[in-house]
Structures are given as C-alpha cells and as structure tokens.
Amino acid sequence: MTAQDAARAAGAFRALHDHPPLVLPNAWDAASALVIESVGALAIATTSAAVSWACGAPDGERLGRDRMWQALAEIVASVRIPVTADMESGYGTTLDELGVAVTSLLRLGIAGINIEDSLVTDRTLRDPSAQAARIRVVRAAADSVSVPLWINARTDTYLTAAGTPQEQLHATMARAGLYAAAGADSLFVPGVVDIETIRELVTGPLPLNVMVGPGAPDVGALAAVGVARVSVGPAIAQAAYGAVARASRELLGDGTYAALNEGLDYVQLNELVERGAS
C-alpha cells in the first residue's frame, strides 16, 4: 500500500468521527472482518485478544509483533472500509522501538490505532507523562508520512480499580488532558459502563470511546450522553467461540445439531471470502 493510499484510508476514518457515535464491531481475522463489513459497518476495529487467540497465543503482546502485523495486514487487505488496529502497549519498550512499530504498521494501511497505558507484563499503569511521550512518538511517526492517523488513547485507570471512584475519575481526566496535548484524538476507557460515570467522562478534553458488552447501556443511551465511539473488544469473538462450545457439546452429548441453526450460509460466506481475496 502506498503512502497516499494510507493517507486516504486514515482521512476517511477520521471523517467518520464527524457524526458520532461511530460504532465499531471488532474483527480478529479476514473472514470476521468481511462478515462485519457485509452487514453495514462503516469501519472495523481489531481486537488484540481475539487475534492472539485465533493464532494460538494468549493476549498481551504474546503473539509477537510480526505475527500480529501479518494478521492486521490480512484484515486490511480483505475489506474496503477503514481499519483501526489494537496495538496494545505499542510493541516497543523504548520510544525508538515504538516509532519503528508504528511506522511498520502504517505501511499496512491502518487508519487508526489504540495504544494503552498499562504494561503488558503486569498491567500496572505507566507514568502518565511517559505515556504522553509515547503518544507524541506515534503522532510524529504518522505526521512524518502525512497520514492523519486517529490515535485512540486507552487508559486502564478503571481496569486497575485503584482508588475510590472519585480518584479514578480524577486520574482519568488528568491523563486525558496529557494525552490530548500529546496528540491523541480520543480517549478509550475500558471497564466503565456506568452511565453517570460516562456522563462525567464525556466532559473531558477528548471524545470518549466506550467498550460495551452484556449489561452495558445500549448505543442509543450512550449517544444521548455524548459518547463518540462504541466498540466491543473481544466480545464478538467470545460469542463465536461460545457457539463453538455449545455446538460441539450438543453434538458430542445429545448427538443433535440445533446449535448450528444460526450459522451463516456456506455459499454466502464463501463468496464473501472470495471477494475479499480478489
């Protein structure tokens, strides 16, 4: 993919944020991306957890950058809509390593990224100023090739569950300010589904991305309080693997096949994949 192609993809993805909320189903391979595109998604987010699981590795950068990037390349090549990539903690310990990782990712045609502020080793939070420096590196790498990359800065302040709710909110808002100044475009706060907390977070300096799943407010309720982006992380993949477990358990137990009734039609799925490969 040329730099101009990458810039066009990133520009198209950026424009989708002009009419929030942007709803992003999460894919983990080319086939899941094609299915998501076929039902009307305007863009696709990837999920590092499900990409890793599909390749036989646990989440947390355990798959390795080369294999993760290969999976991302396959997803980008299969669809015609923009793809934003979960690059976890950045696949680089130093700022130089991070810059190399981002530059190689941009060559794939990625239109946006998530980058998180917790360490993959023990899930502790990075110092907020250190994470801001990492976001500046990402922005500089994208600017150097004139790609208007959307940076979705993930903070794990709520996932770590440190401090009182008010302390968590204060820490999140403080990080949002630093990340905005460093060049982030939105704030991703997984672990928050309480609508009143979300209502406070949307008043911060960055548009808010909420990760949803069973028990979370629906998209309409989130839109009503000002949420800019909605994604589901690995939840769709978990549902798919749940279907594998149910169908296999039924087949091995009762010897029946009712769990297979909601599967996609073979011809439809095969044609989708054929189109993606062309």
C-alpha atoms as a PDB file:
ATOM      1  CA  MET A   1       0.000   0.000   0.000  1.00  0.00           C
ATOM      2  CA  THR A   2       1.304   3.451  -0.922  1.00  0.00           C
ATOM      3  CA  ALA A   3       1.562   6.365   1.482  1.00  0.00           C
ATOM      4  CA  GLN A   4      -1.235   8.068  -0.455  1.00  0.00           C
ATOM      5  CA  ASP A   5      -3.484   5.021  -0.014  1.00  0.00           C
ATOM      6  CA  ALA A   6      -2.751   5.001   3.706  1.00  0.00           C
ATOM      7  CA  ALA A   7      -3.463   8.711   3.974  1.00  0.00           C
ATOM      8  CA  ARG A   8      -6.783   8.307   2.164  1.00  0.00           C
ATOM      9  CA  ALA A   9      -7.837   5.453   4.457  1.00  0.00           C
ATOM     10  CA  ALA A  10      -6.918   7.448   7.556  1.00  0.00           C
ATOM     11  CA  GLY A  11      -8.684  10.526   6.227  1.00  0.00           C
ATOM     12  CA  ALA A  12     -11.844   8.547   5.537  1.00  0.00           C
ATOM     13  CA  PHE A  13     -11.725   7.066   9.029  1.00  0.00           C
ATOM     14  CA  ARG A  14     -11.197  10.469  10.607  1.00  0.00           C
ATOM     15  CA  ALA A  15     -14.224  11.841   8.754  1.00  0.00           C
ATOM     16  CA  LEU A  16     -16.442   9.117  10.240  1.00  0.00           C
ATOM     17  CA  HIS A  17     -15.951  10.726  13.648  1.00  0.00           C
ATOM     18  CA  ASP A  18     -17.761  13.845  12.448  1.00  0.00           C
ATOM     19  CA  HIS A  19     -21.108  12.163  13.068  1.00  0.00           C
ATOM     20  CA  PRO A  20     -20.905  10.347  16.404  1.00  0.00           C
ATOM     21  CA  PRO A  21     -21.316   7.804  17.681  1.00  0.00           C
ATOM     22  CA  LEU A  22     -19.059   5.711  15.480  1.00  0.00           C
ATOM     23  CA  VAL A  23     -19.916   2.078  16.185  1.00  0.00           C
ATOM     24  CA  LEU A  24     -17.014  -0.299  15.638  1.00  0.00           C
ATOM     25  CA  PRO A  25     -17.534  -4.074  15.680  1.00  0.00           C
ATOM     26  CA  ASN A  26     -14.220  -5.802  16.426  1.00  0.00           C
ATOM     27  CA  ALA A  27     -12.743  -8.337  13.983  1.00  0.00           C
ATOM     28  CA  TRP A  28      -9.937 -10.835  14.500  1.00  0.00           C
ATOM     29  CA  ASP A  29      -9.281 -12.238  11.040  1.00  0.00           C
ATOM     30  CA  ALA A  30     -10.136 -11.622   7.389  1.00  0.00           C
ATOM     31  CA  ALA A  31     -13.353 -13.650   7.466  1.00  0.00           C
ATOM     32  CA  SER A  32     -14.743 -11.920  10.551  1.00  0.00           C
ATOM     33  CA  ALA A  33     -13.834  -8.543   9.025  1.00  0.00           C
ATOM     34  CA  LEU A  34     -15.639  -9.427   5.793  1.00  0.00           C
ATOM     35  CA  VAL A  35     -18.748 -10.508   7.677  1.00  0.00           C
ATOM     36  CA  ILE A  36     -18.745  -7.287   9.693  1.00  0.00           C
ATOM     37  CA  GLU A  37     -18.349  -5.231   6.526  1.00  0.00           C
ATOM     38  CA  SER A  38     -21.163  -7.159   4.810  1.00  0.00           C
ATOM     39  CA  VAL A  39     -23.727  -6.206   7.463  1.00  0.00           C
ATOM     40  CA  GLY A  40     -23.095  -2.490   7.039  1.00  0.00           C
ATOM     41  CA  ALA A  41     -20.227  -1.428   9.293  1.00  0.00           C
ATOM     42  CA  LEU A  42     -18.585   1.824   8.218  1.00  0.00           C
ATOM     43  CA  ALA A  43     -15.250   0.843   9.770  1.00  0.00           C
ATOM     44  CA  ILE A  44     -13.719  -2.057  11.667  1.00  0.00           C
ATOM     45  CA  ALA A  45     -11.676  -2.214  14.847  1.00  0.00           C
ATOM     46  CA  THR A  46      -9.418  -5.141  15.616  1.00  0.00           C
ATOM     47  CA  THR A  47      -9.115  -6.888  18.960  1.00  0.00           C
ATOM     48  CA  SER A  48      -5.656  -7.999  20.056  1.00  0.00           C
ATOM     49  CA  ALA A  49      -7.106 -10.635  22.357  1.00  0.00           C
ATOM     50  CA  ALA A  50      -9.085 -12.419  19.655  1.00  0.00           C
ATOM     51  CA  VAL A  51      -6.332 -12.108  17.032  1.00  0.00           C
ATOM     52  CA  SER A  52      -3.970 -13.730  19.526  1.00  0.00           C
ATOM     53  CA  TRP A  53      -6.429 -16.482  20.462  1.00  0.00           C
ATOM     54  CA  ALA A  54      -7.070 -17.306  16.799  1.00  0.00           C
ATOM     55  CA  CYS A  55      -3.324 -17.742  16.329  1.00  0.00           C
ATOM     56  CA  GLY A  56      -2.917 -19.902  19.428  1.00  0.00           C
ATOM     57  CA  ALA A  57      -1.403 -17.303  21.755  1.00  0.00           C
ATOM     58  CA  PRO A  58      -2.696 -15.526  24.870  1.00  0.00           C
ATOM     59  CA  ASP A  59      -3.368 -11.788  24.839  1.00  0.00           C
ATOM     60  CA  GLY A  60      -0.776  -9.268  25.996  1.00  0.00           C
ATOM     61  CA  GLU A  61       1.677  -8.968  23.077  1.00  0.00           C
ATOM     62  CA  ARG A  62       2.446 -12.697  23.462  1.00  0.00           C
ATOM     63  CA  LEU A  63       1.744 -13.323  19.784  1.00  0.00           C
ATOM     64  CA  GLY A  64       4.670 -11.155  18.740  1.00  0.00           C
ATOM     65  CA  ARG A  65       4.700  -8.105  16.519  1.00  0.00           C
ATOM     66  CA  ASP A  66       5.424  -9.847  13.222  1.00  0.00           C
ATOM     67  CA  ARG A  67       2.551 -12.303  13.529  1.00  0.00           C
ATOM     68  CA  MET A  68       0.156  -9.645  14.820  1.00  0.00           C
ATOM     69  CA  TRP A  69       1.080  -7.315  11.963  1.00  0.00           C
ATOM     70  CA  GLN A  70       0.543 -10.168   9.495  1.00  0.00           C
ATOM     71  CA  ALA A  71      -2.972 -10.692  10.841  1.00  0.00           C
ATOM     72  CA  LEU A  72      -3.665  -6.955  10.628  1.00  0.00           C
ATOM     73  CA  ALA A  73      -2.395  -6.866   7.048  1.00  0.00           C
ATOM     74  CA  GLU A  74      -4.757  -9.704   6.124  1.00  0.00           C
ATOM     75  CA  ILE A  75      -7.705  -7.859   7.648  1.00  0.00           C
ATOM     76  CA  VAL A  76      -6.877  -4.566   5.912  1.00  0.00           C
ATOM     77  CA  ALA A  77      -6.413  -6.288   2.560  1.00  0.00           C
ATOM     78  CA  SER A  78      -9.722  -8.131   2.796  1.00  0.00           C
ATOM     79  CA  VAL A  79     -12.091  -5.172   3.254  1.00  0.00           C
ATOM     80  CA  ARG A  80     -12.850  -1.868   1.586  1.00  0.00           C
ATOM     81  CA  ILE A  81     -13.610   0.081   4.750  1.00  0.00           C
ATOM     82  CA  PRO A  82     -11.105   1.654   7.179  1.00  0.00           C
ATOM     83  CA  VAL A  83      -9.493  -0.500   9.854  1.00  0.00           C
ATOM     84  CA  THR A  84      -8.272   0.755  13.216  1.00  0.00           C
ATOM     85  CA  ALA A  85      -5.782  -1.519  14.958  1.00  0.00           C
ATOM     86  CA  ASP A  86      -5.357  -2.523  18.568  1.00  0.00           C
ATOM     87  CA  MET A  87      -1.599  -2.231  19.008  1.00  0.00           C
ATOM     88  CA  GLU A  88      -1.809  -2.951  22.740  1.00  0.00           C
ATOM     89  CA  SER A  89       1.029  -1.226  24.623  1.00  0.00           C
ATOM     90  CA  GLY A  90       2.912  -0.408  21.421  1.00  0.00           C
ATOM     91  CA  TYR A  91       5.114  -3.438  20.756  1.00  0.00           C
ATOM     92  CA  GLY A  92       8.178  -1.470  21.779  1.00  0.00           C
ATOM     93  CA  THR A  93       9.850  -0.909  25.133  1.00  0.00           C
ATOM     94  CA  THR A  94      11.761   2.196  24.106  1.00  0.00           C
ATOM     95  CA  LEU A  95      10.487   5.224  22.213  1.00  0.00           C
ATOM     96  CA  ASP A  96      12.651   4.282  19.238  1.00  0.00           C
ATOM     97  CA  GLU A  97      11.183   0.773  19.165  1.00  0.00           C
ATOM     98  CA  LEU A  98       7.692   2.236  19.356  1.00  0.00           C
ATOM     99  CA  GLY A  99       8.432   4.541  16.431  1.00  0.00           C
ATOM    100  CA  VAL A 100       9.610   1.596  14.330  1.00  0.00           C
ATOM    101  CA  ALA A 101       6.480  -0.392  15.235  1.00  0.00           C
ATOM    102  CA  VAL A 102       4.155   2.450  14.263  1.00  0.00           C
ATOM    103  CA  THR A 103       5.984   3.124  11.000  1.00  0.00           C
ATOM    104  CA  SER A 104       5.689  -0.535  10.006  1.00  0.00           C
ATOM    105  CA  LEU A 105       2.017  -0.542  10.972  1.00  0.00           C
ATOM    106  CA  LEU A 106       1.295   2.499   8.826  1.00  0.00           C
ATOM    107  CA  ARG A 107       2.679   0.680   5.782  1.00  0.00           C
ATOM    108  CA  LEU A 108      -0.195  -1.791   6.118  1.00  0.00           C
ATOM    109  CA  GLY A 109      -2.786   0.934   5.570  1.00  0.00           C
ATOM    110  CA  ILE A 110      -4.064   1.108   9.127  1.00  0.00           C
ATOM    111  CA  ALA A 111      -6.350   4.143   9.581  1.00  0.00           C
ATOM    112  CA  GLY A 112      -6.240   4.414  13.362  1.00  0.00           C
ATOM    113  CA  ILE A 113      -4.785   2.773  16.444  1.00  0.00           C
ATOM    114  CA  ASN A 114      -5.475   2.047  20.080  1.00  0.00           C
ATOM    115  CA  ILE A 115      -2.488   2.361  22.368  1.00  0.00           C
ATOM    116  CA  GLU A 116      -2.841   1.565  26.052  1.00  0.00           C
ATOM    117  CA  ASP A 117      -1.140   2.990  29.106  1.00  0.00           C
ATOM    118  CA  SER A 118      -0.705  -0.211  31.107  1.00  0.00           C
ATOM    119  CA  LEU A 119       2.293  -2.504  30.872  1.00  0.00           C
ATOM    120  CA  VAL A 120       1.627  -5.875  29.255  1.00  0.00           C
ATOM    121  CA  THR A 121       3.950  -7.524  31.790  1.00  0.00           C
ATOM    122  CA  ASP A 122       1.916  -6.848  34.938  1.00  0.00           C
ATOM    123  CA  ARG A 123      -0.912  -4.472  33.857  1.00  0.00           C
ATOM    124  CA  THR A 124       0.368  -1.658  36.064  1.00  0.00           C
ATOM    125  CA  LEU A 125      -0.147   1.843  34.724  1.00  0.00           C
ATOM    126  CA  ARG A 126       2.675   3.738  33.088  1.00  0.00           C
ATOM    127  CA  ASP A 127       3.521   7.135  34.434  1.00  0.00           C
ATOM    128  CA  PRO A 128       1.123   9.491  32.605  1.00  0.00           C
ATOM    129  CA  SER A 129       3.915  11.744  31.360  1.00  0.00           C
ATOM    130  CA  ALA A 130       5.792   8.721  29.993  1.00  0.00           C
ATOM    131  CA  GLN A 131       2.652   7.584  28.184  1.00  0.00           C
ATOM    132  CA  ALA A 132       2.161  11.082  26.771  1.00  0.00           C
ATOM    133  CA  ALA A 133       5.694  10.870  25.372  1.00  0.00           C
ATOM    134  CA  ARG A 134       4.769   7.604  23.666  1.00  0.00           C
ATOM    135  CA  ILE A 135       1.679   9.184  22.119  1.00  0.00           C
ATOM    136  CA  ARG A 136       3.865  12.016  20.789  1.00  0.00           C
ATOM    137  CA  VAL A 137       6.072   9.400  19.098  1.00  0.00           C
ATOM    138  CA  VAL A 138       3.024   7.822  17.449  1.00  0.00           C
ATOM    139  CA  ARG A 139       1.816  11.193  16.222  1.00  0.00           C
ATOM    140  CA  ALA A 140       5.256  12.144  14.913  1.00  0.00           C
ATOM    141  CA  ALA A 141       5.600   8.840  13.043  1.00  0.00           C
ATOM    142  CA  ALA A 142       2.232   9.378  11.345  1.00  0.00           C
ATOM    143  CA  ASP A 143       2.943  13.027  10.581  1.00  0.00           C
ATOM    144  CA  SER A 144       6.288  12.120   9.017  1.00  0.00           C
ATOM    145  CA  VAL A 145       4.467  10.237   6.250  1.00  0.00           C
ATOM    146  CA  SER A 146       1.479  12.622   6.124  1.00  0.00           C
ATOM    147  CA  VAL A 147      -1.021  10.063   7.428  1.00  0.00           C
ATOM    148  CA  PRO A 148      -3.778  11.632   9.573  1.00  0.00           C
ATOM    149  CA  LEU A 149      -3.809   8.621  11.892  1.00  0.00           C
ATOM    150  CA  TRP A 150      -6.555   8.590  14.523  1.00  0.00           C
ATOM    151  CA  ILE A 151      -5.000   7.887  17.917  1.00  0.00           C
ATOM    152  CA  ASN A 152      -7.391   6.335  20.408  1.00  0.00           C
ATOM    153  CA  ALA A 153      -5.542   6.646  23.711  1.00  0.00           C
ATOM    154  CA  ARG A 154      -6.593   3.843  26.019  1.00  0.00           C
ATOM    155  CA  THR A 155      -6.310   4.322  29.748  1.00  0.00           C
ATOM    156  CA  ASP A 156      -6.705   1.429  32.162  1.00  0.00           C
ATOM    157  CA  THR A 157      -7.409   3.582  35.191  1.00  0.00           C
ATOM    158  CA  TYR A 158     -10.710   1.778  35.769  1.00  0.00           C
ATOM    159  CA  LEU A 159      -9.493  -1.713  34.884  1.00  0.00           C
ATOM    160  CA  THR A 160      -6.835  -1.474  37.590  1.00  0.00           C
ATOM    161  CA  ALA A 161      -9.567  -0.485  40.080  1.00  0.00           C
ATOM    162  CA  ALA A 162      -7.108   1.561  42.145  1.00  0.00           C
ATOM    163  CA  GLY A 163      -8.552   4.185  44.477  1.00  0.00           C
ATOM    164  CA  THR A 164     -12.065   5.438  45.091  1.00  0.00           C
ATOM    165  CA  PRO A 165     -14.441   6.136  42.190  1.00  0.00           C
ATOM    166  CA  GLN A 166     -13.714   9.847  42.532  1.00  0.00           C
ATOM    167  CA  GLU A 167      -9.958   9.221  42.496  1.00  0.00           C
ATOM    168  CA  GLN A 168     -10.324   7.059  39.403  1.00  0.00           C
ATOM    169  CA  LEU A 169     -12.303   9.782  37.661  1.00  0.00           C
ATOM    170  CA  HIS A 170      -9.743  12.427  38.606  1.00  0.00           C
ATOM    171  CA  ALA A 171      -6.837  10.260  37.404  1.00  0.00           C
ATOM    172  CA  THR A 172      -8.627   9.534  34.131  1.00  0.00           C
ATOM    173  CA  MET A 173      -9.343  13.192  33.453  1.00  0.00           C
ATOM    174  CA  ALA A 174      -5.738  14.143  34.263  1.00  0.00           C
ATOM    175  CA  ARG A 175      -4.421  11.538  31.851  1.00  0.00           C
ATOM    176  CA  ALA A 176      -6.897  12.665  29.196  1.00  0.00           C
ATOM    177  CA  GLY A 177      -5.500  16.184  29.384  1.00  0.00           C
ATOM    178  CA  LEU A 178      -1.926  14.994  28.961  1.00  0.00           C
ATOM    179  CA  TYR A 179      -2.831  12.622  26.151  1.00  0.00           C
ATOM    180  CA  ALA A 180      -4.796  15.300  24.306  1.00  0.00           C
ATOM    181  CA  ALA A 181      -1.835  17.677  24.474  1.00  0.00           C
ATOM    182  CA  ALA A 182       0.413  14.901  23.159  1.00  0.00           C
ATOM    183  CA  GLY A 183      -1.713  14.424  20.039  1.00  0.00           C
ATOM    184  CA  ALA A 184      -4.363  11.839  20.931  1.00  0.00           C
ATOM    185  CA  ASP A 185      -7.718  12.149  19.180  1.00  0.00           C
ATOM    186  CA  SER A 186      -9.951  10.230  21.584  1.00  0.00           C
ATOM    187  CA  LEU A 187      -9.898   8.560  24.971  1.00  0.00           C
ATOM    188  CA  PHE A 188     -10.710   4.873  25.380  1.00  0.00           C
ATOM    189  CA  VAL A 189     -11.729   3.866  28.911  1.00  0.00           C
ATOM    190  CA  PRO A 190     -12.487   0.129  29.095  1.00  0.00           C
ATOM    191  CA  GLY A 191     -14.133  -1.088  32.266  1.00  0.00           C
ATOM    192  CA  VAL A 192     -16.654   1.758  32.506  1.00  0.00           C
ATOM    193  CA  VAL A 193     -20.311   1.072  31.758  1.00  0.00           C
ATOM    194  CA  ASP A 194     -21.986   3.126  34.483  1.00  0.00           C
ATOM    195  CA  ILE A 195     -23.925   5.791  32.635  1.00  0.00           C
ATOM    196  CA  GLU A 196     -23.335   8.514  35.251  1.00  0.00           C
ATOM    197  CA  THR A 197     -19.574   7.944  35.175  1.00  0.00           C
ATOM    198  CA  ILE A 198     -19.703   8.035  31.376  1.00  0.00           C
ATOM    199  CA  ARG A 199     -21.674  11.273  31.541  1.00  0.00           C
ATOM    200  CA  GLU A 200     -18.800  12.817  33.508  1.00  0.00           C
ATOM    201  CA  LEU A 201     -16.078  11.384  31.282  1.00  0.00           C
ATOM    202  CA  VAL A 202     -17.568  12.896  28.123  1.00  0.00           C
ATOM    203  CA  THR A 203     -16.979  16.361  29.592  1.00  0.00           C
ATOM    204  CA  GLY A 204     -13.228  15.752  29.392  1.00  0.00           C
ATOM    205  CA  PRO A 205     -10.826  17.111  26.771  1.00  0.00           C
ATOM    206  CA  LEU A 206     -11.129  14.145  24.377  1.00  0.00           C
ATOM    207  CA  PRO A 207     -14.031  12.381  22.650  1.00  0.00           C
ATOM    208  CA  LEU A 208     -14.875   9.215  24.553  1.00  0.00           C
ATOM    209  CA  ASN A 209     -14.733   5.592  23.332  1.00  0.00           C
ATOM    210  CA  VAL A 210     -16.699   3.144  25.487  1.00  0.00           C
ATOM    211  CA  MET A 211     -16.277  -0.628  25.319  1.00  0.00           C
ATOM    212  CA  VAL A 212     -19.607  -2.383  25.689  1.00  0.00           C
ATOM    213  CA  GLY A 213     -20.975  -5.859  26.177  1.00  0.00           C
ATOM    214  CA  PRO A 214     -23.789  -7.627  28.008  1.00  0.00           C
ATOM    215  CA  GLY A 215     -25.171  -5.399  30.757  1.00  0.00           C
ATOM    216  CA  ALA A 216     -23.843  -2.149  29.284  1.00  0.00           C
ATOM    217  CA  PRO A 217     -26.133   0.702  28.177  1.00  0.00           C
ATOM    218  CA  ASP A 218     -27.242   0.390  24.564  1.00  0.00           C
ATOM    219  CA  VAL A 219     -25.771   2.527  21.801  1.00  0.00           C
ATOM    220  CA  GLY A 220     -28.706   4.933  21.866  1.00  0.00           C
ATOM    221  CA  ALA A 221     -28.256   5.637  25.578  1.00  0.00           C
ATOM    222  CA  LEU A 222     -24.526   6.160  25.109  1.00  0.00           C
ATOM    223  CA  ALA A 223     -25.128   8.519  22.192  1.00  0.00           C
ATOM    224  CA  ALA A 224     -27.584  10.509  24.288  1.00  0.00           C
ATOM    225  CA  VAL A 225     -24.889  11.351  26.863  1.00  0.00           C
ATOM    226  CA  GLY A 226     -22.303  12.256  24.224  1.00  0.00           C
ATOM    227  CA  VAL A 227     -20.196   9.116  23.675  1.00  0.00           C
ATOM    228  CA  ALA A 228     -18.198   9.445  20.446  1.00  0.00           C
ATOM    229  CA  ARG A 229     -17.255   5.812  19.781  1.00  0.00           C
ATOM    230  CA  VAL A 230     -18.578   2.412  20.784  1.00  0.00           C
ATOM    231  CA  SER A 231     -16.627  -0.847  20.426  1.00  0.00           C
ATOM    232  CA  VAL A 232     -16.938  -4.329  21.883  1.00  0.00           C
ATOM    233  CA  GLY A 233     -13.357  -5.545  22.301  1.00  0.00           C
ATOM    234  CA  PRO A 234     -13.161  -9.350  22.113  1.00  0.00           C
ATOM    235  CA  ALA A 235     -16.874  -9.847  22.911  1.00  0.00           C
ATOM    236  CA  ILE A 236     -17.936 -10.876  19.385  1.00  0.00           C
ATOM    237  CA  ALA A 237     -15.097 -13.395  19.243  1.00  0.00           C
ATOM    238  CA  GLN A 238     -16.061 -14.700  22.671  1.00  0.00           C
ATOM    239  CA  ALA A 239     -19.631 -15.161  21.409  1.00  0.00           C
ATOM    240  CA  ALA A 240     -18.303 -17.021  18.363  1.00  0.00           C
ATOM    241  CA  TYR A 241     -16.183 -19.326  20.498  1.00  0.00           C
ATOM    242  CA  GLY A 242     -19.180 -19.800  22.780  1.00  0.00           C
ATOM    243  CA  ALA A 243     -21.106 -21.023  19.729  1.00  0.00           C
ATOM    244  CA  VAL A 244     -18.281 -23.499  19.022  1.00  0.00           C
ATOM    245  CA  ALA A 245     -18.525 -24.821  22.573  1.00  0.00           C
ATOM    246  CA  ARG A 246     -22.336 -25.109  22.524  1.00  0.00           C
ATOM    247  CA  ALA A 247     -22.484 -26.822  19.129  1.00  0.00           C
ATOM    248  CA  SER A 248     -19.676 -29.225  19.992  1.00  0.00           C
ATOM    249  CA  ARG A 249     -21.152 -30.047  23.388  1.00  0.00           C
ATOM    250  CA  GLU A 250     -24.549 -30.754  21.820  1.00  0.00           C
ATOM    251  CA  LEU A 251     -23.040 -32.882  19.059  1.00  0.00           C
ATOM    252  CA  LEU A 252     -20.911 -34.914  21.470  1.00  0.00           C
ATOM    253  CA  GLY A 253     -23.675 -35.167  24.065  1.00  0.00           C
ATOM    254  CA  ASP A 254     -27.175 -35.470  22.597  1.00  0.00           C
ATOM    255  CA  GLY A 255     -25.924 -36.085  19.078  1.00  0.00           C
ATOM    256  CA  THR A 256     -28.157 -33.272  17.765  1.00  0.00           C
ATOM    257  CA  TYR A 257     -27.431 -30.080  15.813  1.00  0.00           C
ATOM    258  CA  ALA A 258     -29.829 -27.348  16.907  1.00  0.00           C
ATOM    259  CA  ALA A 259     -26.948 -25.045  17.853  1.00  0.00           C
ATOM    260  CA  LEU A 260     -25.928 -24.944  14.196  1.00  0.00           C
ATOM    261  CA  ASN A 261     -29.179 -23.354  13.043  1.00  0.00           C
ATOM    262  CA  GLU A 262     -27.918 -19.771  13.239  1.00  0.00           C
ATOM    263  CA  GLY A 263     -24.748 -20.374  11.262  1.00  0.00           C
ATOM    264  CA  LEU A 264     -24.035 -18.332   8.141  1.00  0.00           C
ATOM    265  CA  ASP A 265     -24.880 -19.900   4.817  1.00  0.00           C
ATOM    266  CA  TYR A 266     -21.898 -21.703   3.279  1.00  0.00           C
ATOM    267  CA  VAL A 267     -22.290 -20.089  -0.152  1.00  0.00           C
ATOM    268  CA  GLN A 268     -22.670 -16.597   1.342  1.00  0.00           C
ATOM    269  CA  LEU A 269     -19.575 -16.946   3.500  1.00  0.00           C
ATOM    270  CA  ASN A 270     -17.524 -18.498   0.739  1.00  0.00           C
ATOM    271  CA  GLU A 271     -18.471 -15.675  -1.636  1.00  0.00           C
ATOM    272  CA  LEU A 272     -17.535 -13.064   0.962  1.00  0.00           C
ATOM    273  CA  VAL A 273     -14.088 -14.573   1.415  1.00  0.00           C
ATOM    274  CA  GLU A 274     -13.638 -14.933  -2.353  1.00  0.00           C
ATOM    275  CA  ARG A 275     -14.450 -11.263  -2.785  1.00  0.00           C
ATOM    276  CA  GLY A 276     -12.018 -10.303  -0.053  1.00  0.00           C
ATOM    277  CA  ALA A 277      -9.255 -12.287  -1.725  1.00  0.00           C
ATOM    278  CA  SER A 278      -9.793 -10.678  -5.119  1.00  0.00           C
END
